[in-house]
Amino acid sequence: MGAVIKSVACNFYVDSYWQICQSRNMVARDGDGWVECDCGSKHWGLHGAAGLLIYRDGAILLQHRAPWVHNGDTWGIPGGARDSHESVIDGAIREAVEETGIDPQQLMIRHTSTDKHGNWCYDTVIAEATSELVARELNDESHEVRWVLFDDVTRLPLHPSFAKSWGGLRAQLDYLITPR
């Protein structure tokens, strides 16, 4: 089954993520687990998964995944399983904060894109970073995080799913940053 891509344009600043989370009645970490997908693959995230593609100055923030994780020793965007109470944006931001320590207040959400596989989907949230945004590896899931120029992304060994989606995501980035 081919992936259906759904896009939603966004243009707002992320308020204090932690204040938003604390104001909701939240279920703790109920999204971790494997799903047998209609496409014939196994995917991580009982309620789907989301990642945060952060860009600034012609570069994106990539994470070098640890060898022990699924599709390890590859590069991709911070992300992971969504919990049942989380929106796509909430899940992507939570994962990026956990993995890279970013301050969500230094982001402007610009776009979301959905890769739908029948009973499972992966949502990519595209966000523009301020010059003050700092990222670093925070847990054992990553070896390194770094800013990589758009044109250099495919020179790295990419996570297979990110490699498949990079062409469309790059086109969306070009559209977002091209003056009109």
C-alpha atoms as a PDB file:
ATOM      1  CA  MET A   1       0.000   0.000   0.000  1.00  0.00           C
ATOM      2  CA  GLY A   2       1.390   3.412  -0.934  1.00  0.00           C
ATOM      3  CA  ALA A   3       1.689   6.159   1.604  1.00  0.00           C
ATOM      4  CA  VAL A   4      -0.882   8.937   1.576  1.00  0.00           C
ATOM      5  CA  ILE A   5       0.634  12.301   2.381  1.00  0.00           C
ATOM      6  CA  LYS A   6      -1.553  14.882   4.094  1.00  0.00           C
ATOM      7  CA  SER A   7      -0.171  18.331   4.785  1.00  0.00           C
ATOM      8  CA  VAL A   8      -1.382  21.054   7.084  1.00  0.00           C
ATOM      9  CA  ALA A   9       0.172  24.498   6.945  1.00  0.00           C
ATOM     10  CA  CYS A  10       0.880  26.070  10.326  1.00  0.00           C
ATOM     11  CA  ASN A  11       2.376  29.362  11.374  1.00  0.00           C
ATOM     12  CA  PHE A  12       2.483  29.919  15.121  1.00  0.00           C
ATOM     13  CA  TYR A  13       5.001  30.069  17.905  1.00  0.00           C
ATOM     14  CA  VAL A  14       5.143  27.288  20.461  1.00  0.00           C
ATOM     15  CA  ASP A  15       4.151  28.608  23.862  1.00  0.00           C
ATOM     16  CA  SER A  16       5.525  26.995  26.963  1.00  0.00           C
ATOM     17  CA  TYR A  17       5.175  23.308  26.117  1.00  0.00           C
ATOM     18  CA  TRP A  18       5.491  22.232  29.724  1.00  0.00           C
ATOM     19  CA  GLN A  19       2.687  24.572  30.826  1.00  0.00           C
ATOM     20  CA  ILE A  20       0.436  23.082  28.162  1.00  0.00           C
ATOM     21  CA  CYS A  21       1.251  19.528  29.303  1.00  0.00           C
ATOM     22  CA  GLN A  22       0.714  20.300  32.966  1.00  0.00           C
ATOM     23  CA  SER A  23      -2.692  21.862  32.278  1.00  0.00           C
ATOM     24  CA  ARG A  24      -4.046  18.652  30.716  1.00  0.00           C
ATOM     25  CA  ASN A  25      -5.108  15.410  32.353  1.00  0.00           C
ATOM     26  CA  MET A  26      -2.373  13.301  30.768  1.00  0.00           C
ATOM     27  CA  VAL A  27      -1.813   9.561  30.586  1.00  0.00           C
ATOM     28  CA  ALA A  28       1.840   8.759  31.124  1.00  0.00           C
ATOM     29  CA  ARG A  29       3.771   7.046  28.329  1.00  0.00           C
ATOM     30  CA  ASP A  30       1.143   4.725  26.881  1.00  0.00           C
ATOM     31  CA  GLY A  31       2.411   4.877  23.279  1.00  0.00           C
ATOM     32  CA  ASP A  32       5.512   2.684  23.444  1.00  0.00           C
ATOM     33  CA  GLY A  33       5.125  -0.573  21.551  1.00  0.00           C
ATOM     34  CA  TRP A  34       5.236  -2.179  18.117  1.00  0.00           C
ATOM     35  CA  VAL A  35       2.380  -2.129  15.602  1.00  0.00           C
ATOM     36  CA  GLU A  36       1.929  -4.606  12.764  1.00  0.00           C
ATOM     37  CA  CYS A  37       1.141  -2.186   9.965  1.00  0.00           C
ATOM     38  CA  ASP A  38      -1.232  -2.693   7.044  1.00  0.00           C
ATOM     39  CA  CYS A  39       1.804  -2.042   4.792  1.00  0.00           C
ATOM     40  CA  GLY A  40       3.417  -5.257   6.091  1.00  0.00           C
ATOM     41  CA  SER A  41       6.040  -3.615   8.312  1.00  0.00           C
ATOM     42  CA  LYS A  42       6.403  -3.274  12.054  1.00  0.00           C
ATOM     43  CA  HIS A  43       6.422   0.307  13.323  1.00  0.00           C
ATOM     44  CA  TRP A  44       7.194   1.789  16.740  1.00  0.00           C
ATOM     45  CA  GLY A  45       4.285   3.663  18.334  1.00  0.00           C
ATOM     46  CA  LEU A  46       0.946   2.211  19.379  1.00  0.00           C
ATOM     47  CA  HIS A  47      -0.752   5.537  18.519  1.00  0.00           C
ATOM     48  CA  GLY A  48       1.531   6.446  15.633  1.00  0.00           C
ATOM     49  CA  ALA A  49       4.769   8.370  15.809  1.00  0.00           C
ATOM     50  CA  ALA A  50       5.916  11.937  15.225  1.00  0.00           C
ATOM     51  CA  GLY A  51       9.188  13.685  14.545  1.00  0.00           C
ATOM     52  CA  LEU A  52      10.379  17.270  14.561  1.00  0.00           C
ATOM     53  CA  LEU A  53      12.241  18.551  11.512  1.00  0.00           C
ATOM     54  CA  ILE A  54      13.915  21.735  12.761  1.00  0.00           C
ATOM     55  CA  TYR A  55      15.537  24.101  10.288  1.00  0.00           C
ATOM     56  CA  ARG A  56      17.411  27.405  10.165  1.00  0.00           C
ATOM     57  CA  ASP A  57      19.927  29.018   7.841  1.00  0.00           C
ATOM     58  CA  GLY A  58      19.735  26.300   5.165  1.00  0.00           C
ATOM     59  CA  ALA A  59      20.376  23.431   7.600  1.00  0.00           C
ATOM     60  CA  ILE A  60      18.327  20.892   9.555  1.00  0.00           C
ATOM     61  CA  LEU A  61      18.968  19.371  12.956  1.00  0.00           C
ATOM     62  CA  LEU A  62      19.750  15.663  12.651  1.00  0.00           C
ATOM     63  CA  GLN A  63      20.283  13.008  15.294  1.00  0.00           C
ATOM     64  CA  HIS A  64      22.788  10.162  14.908  1.00  0.00           C
ATOM     65  CA  ARG A  65      20.897   7.204  16.341  1.00  0.00           C
ATOM     66  CA  ALA A  66      22.673   4.788  18.672  1.00  0.00           C
ATOM     67  CA  PRO A  67      23.520   1.355  17.208  1.00  0.00           C
ATOM     68  CA  TRP A  68      21.225  -0.508  19.634  1.00  0.00           C
ATOM     69  CA  VAL A  69      17.971   1.253  18.594  1.00  0.00           C
ATOM     70  CA  HIS A  70      15.791   0.099  15.684  1.00  0.00           C
ATOM     71  CA  ASN A  71      17.551   1.131  12.444  1.00  0.00           C
ATOM     72  CA  GLY A  72      20.480   2.221  14.584  1.00  0.00           C
ATOM     73  CA  ASP A  73      23.655   3.954  13.462  1.00  0.00           C
ATOM     74  CA  THR A  74      21.657   6.070  11.022  1.00  0.00           C
ATOM     75  CA  TRP A  75      20.737   9.753  10.935  1.00  0.00           C
ATOM     76  CA  GLY A  76      17.221  11.115  11.237  1.00  0.00           C
ATOM     77  CA  ILE A  77      15.124  13.719  12.940  1.00  0.00           C
ATOM     78  CA  PRO A  78      14.297  13.538  16.652  1.00  0.00           C
ATOM     79  CA  GLY A  79      11.028  11.711  17.164  1.00  0.00           C
ATOM     80  CA  GLY A  80       9.249   8.645  18.412  1.00  0.00           C
ATOM     81  CA  ALA A  81       6.031   7.095  19.637  1.00  0.00           C
ATOM     82  CA  ARG A  82       3.066   9.362  20.363  1.00  0.00           C
ATOM     83  CA  ASP A  83       1.039   8.852  23.520  1.00  0.00           C
ATOM     84  CA  SER A  84      -2.767   8.593  23.329  1.00  0.00           C
ATOM     85  CA  HIS A  85      -3.369  12.065  24.763  1.00  0.00           C
ATOM     86  CA  GLU A  86      -0.879  13.871  22.523  1.00  0.00           C
ATOM     87  CA  SER A  87      -1.482  15.860  19.393  1.00  0.00           C
ATOM     88  CA  VAL A  88       0.994  15.404  16.568  1.00  0.00           C
ATOM     89  CA  ILE A  89       2.764  18.633  17.534  1.00  0.00           C
ATOM     90  CA  ASP A  90       2.828  17.776  21.255  1.00  0.00           C
ATOM     91  CA  GLY A  91       4.307  14.328  20.565  1.00  0.00           C
ATOM     92  CA  ALA A  92       6.973  15.616  18.179  1.00  0.00           C
ATOM     93  CA  ILE A  93       8.020  18.369  20.576  1.00  0.00           C
ATOM     94  CA  ARG A  94       8.093  16.046  23.606  1.00  0.00           C
ATOM     95  CA  GLU A  95      10.325  13.574  21.783  1.00  0.00           C
ATOM     96  CA  ALA A  96      12.676  16.319  20.563  1.00  0.00           C
ATOM     97  CA  VAL A  97      12.941  17.798  24.065  1.00  0.00           C
ATOM     98  CA  GLU A  98      13.682  14.349  25.548  1.00  0.00           C
ATOM     99  CA  GLU A  99      16.313  13.539  22.920  1.00  0.00           C
ATOM    100  CA  THR A 100      17.972  16.922  22.268  1.00  0.00           C
ATOM    101  CA  GLY A 101      17.070  19.239  25.155  1.00  0.00           C
ATOM    102  CA  ILE A 102      15.721  21.964  22.880  1.00  0.00           C
ATOM    103  CA  ASP A 103      13.652  24.860  24.213  1.00  0.00           C
ATOM    104  CA  PRO A 104      10.319  24.727  22.319  1.00  0.00           C
ATOM    105  CA  GLN A 105       9.880  28.463  22.811  1.00  0.00           C
ATOM    106  CA  GLN A 106      12.692  28.895  20.265  1.00  0.00           C
ATOM    107  CA  LEU A 107      10.566  27.315  17.498  1.00  0.00           C
ATOM    108  CA  MET A 108       7.914  28.469  15.068  1.00  0.00           C
ATOM    109  CA  ILE A 109       5.809  25.581  13.757  1.00  0.00           C
ATOM    110  CA  ARG A 110       5.442  25.988  10.012  1.00  0.00           C
ATOM    111  CA  HIS A 111       3.950  22.791   8.607  1.00  0.00           C
ATOM    112  CA  THR A 112       2.942  19.205   9.325  1.00  0.00           C
ATOM    113  CA  SER A 113       3.067  16.269   6.949  1.00  0.00           C
ATOM    114  CA  THR A 114       1.500  12.836   7.467  1.00  0.00           C
ATOM    115  CA  ASP A 115       2.793   9.581   6.017  1.00  0.00           C
ATOM    116  CA  LYS A 116      -0.253   7.306   6.408  1.00  0.00           C
ATOM    117  CA  HIS A 117       0.097   3.521   6.236  1.00  0.00           C
ATOM    118  CA  GLY A 118      -3.492   2.423   6.843  1.00  0.00           C
ATOM    119  CA  ASN A 119      -3.656   1.655  10.564  1.00  0.00           C
ATOM    120  CA  TRP A 120      -0.456   3.566  11.454  1.00  0.00           C
ATOM    121  CA  CYS A 121       1.068   6.922  10.540  1.00  0.00           C
ATOM    122  CA  TYR A 122       4.188   9.004  11.000  1.00  0.00           C
ATOM    123  CA  ASP A 123       3.757  12.750  11.291  1.00  0.00           C
ATOM    124  CA  THR A 124       6.584  15.149  10.565  1.00  0.00           C
ATOM    125  CA  VAL A 125       6.308  18.565  12.172  1.00  0.00           C
ATOM    126  CA  ILE A 126       8.437  21.180  10.411  1.00  0.00           C
ATOM    127  CA  ALA A 127       9.602  24.033  12.637  1.00  0.00           C
ATOM    128  CA  GLU A 128      11.827  27.039  12.101  1.00  0.00           C
ATOM    129  CA  ALA A 129      14.368  27.609  14.875  1.00  0.00           C
ATOM    130  CA  THR A 130      15.598  30.906  16.206  1.00  0.00           C
ATOM    131  CA  SER A 131      19.332  31.516  16.272  1.00  0.00           C
ATOM    132  CA  GLU A 132      19.226  30.932  20.059  1.00  0.00           C
ATOM    133  CA  LEU A 133      18.080  27.301  19.808  1.00  0.00           C
ATOM    134  CA  VAL A 134      20.671  24.905  21.258  1.00  0.00           C
ATOM    135  CA  ALA A 135      20.513  21.122  20.911  1.00  0.00           C
ATOM    136  CA  ARG A 136      22.620  18.324  22.374  1.00  0.00           C
ATOM    137  CA  GLU A 137      22.289  14.570  22.824  1.00  0.00           C
ATOM    138  CA  LEU A 138      20.590  13.879  26.138  1.00  0.00           C
ATOM    139  CA  ASN A 139      20.121  10.146  26.332  1.00  0.00           C
ATOM    140  CA  ASP A 140      21.596   6.882  25.165  1.00  0.00           C
ATOM    141  CA  GLU A 141      19.371   6.830  22.055  1.00  0.00           C
ATOM    142  CA  SER A 142      21.724   9.222  20.268  1.00  0.00           C
ATOM    143  CA  HIS A 143      25.432   9.522  19.629  1.00  0.00           C
ATOM    144  CA  GLU A 144      25.334  13.053  18.303  1.00  0.00           C
ATOM    145  CA  VAL A 145      23.077  15.851  17.092  1.00  0.00           C
ATOM    146  CA  ARG A 146      24.241  18.333  14.499  1.00  0.00           C
ATOM    147  CA  TRP A 147      23.091  20.935  12.005  1.00  0.00           C
ATOM    148  CA  VAL A 148      23.430  19.564   8.466  1.00  0.00           C
ATOM    149  CA  LEU A 149      23.088  21.697   5.338  1.00  0.00           C
ATOM    150  CA  PHE A 150      20.111  20.714   3.157  1.00  0.00           C
ATOM    151  CA  ASP A 151      22.437  19.719   0.307  1.00  0.00           C
ATOM    152  CA  ASP A 152      24.544  17.490   2.584  1.00  0.00           C
ATOM    153  CA  VAL A 153      21.724  15.459   4.174  1.00  0.00           C
ATOM    154  CA  THR A 154      21.885  12.591   1.669  1.00  0.00           C
ATOM    155  CA  ARG A 155      25.636  12.217   2.229  1.00  0.00           C
ATOM    156  CA  LEU A 156      24.881  10.672   5.629  1.00  0.00           C
ATOM    157  CA  PRO A 157      23.580   7.126   6.224  1.00  0.00           C
ATOM    158  CA  LEU A 158      19.926   8.049   6.789  1.00  0.00           C
ATOM    159  CA  HIS A 159      17.229   6.186   8.686  1.00  0.00           C
ATOM    160  CA  PRO A 160      15.422   4.259   5.895  1.00  0.00           C
ATOM    161  CA  SER A 161      12.040   5.948   6.419  1.00  0.00           C
ATOM    162  CA  PHE A 162      13.600   9.404   6.629  1.00  0.00           C
ATOM    163  CA  ALA A 163      15.593   8.685   3.459  1.00  0.00           C
ATOM    164  CA  LYS A 164      12.341   7.845   1.627  1.00  0.00           C
ATOM    165  CA  SER A 165      10.610  11.008   2.813  1.00  0.00           C
ATOM    166  CA  TRP A 166      13.545  13.456   2.514  1.00  0.00           C
ATOM    167  CA  GLY A 167      12.799  14.459  -1.116  1.00  0.00           C
ATOM    168  CA  GLY A 168       9.270  15.582  -0.296  1.00  0.00           C
ATOM    169  CA  LEU A 169      10.324  17.214   2.961  1.00  0.00           C
ATOM    170  CA  ARG A 170      13.140  19.079   1.183  1.00  0.00           C
ATOM    171  CA  ALA A 171      10.648  20.374  -1.399  1.00  0.00           C
ATOM    172  CA  GLN A 172       8.397  21.560   1.426  1.00  0.00           C
ATOM    173  CA  LEU A 173      11.338  23.310   3.129  1.00  0.00           C
ATOM    174  CA  ASP A 174      12.273  25.029  -0.135  1.00  0.00           C
ATOM    175  CA  TYR A 175       8.674  26.207  -0.486  1.00  0.00           C
ATOM    176  CA  LEU A 176       8.561  27.507   3.101  1.00  0.00           C
ATOM    177  CA  ILE A 177      11.789  29.496   2.858  1.00  0.00           C
ATOM    178  CA  THR A 178      11.379  30.880  -0.681  1.00  0.00           C
ATOM    179  CA  PRO A 179      10.290  34.531  -0.559  1.00  0.00           C
ATOM    180  CA  ARG A 180       7.018  35.233  -2.349  1.00  0.00           C
END
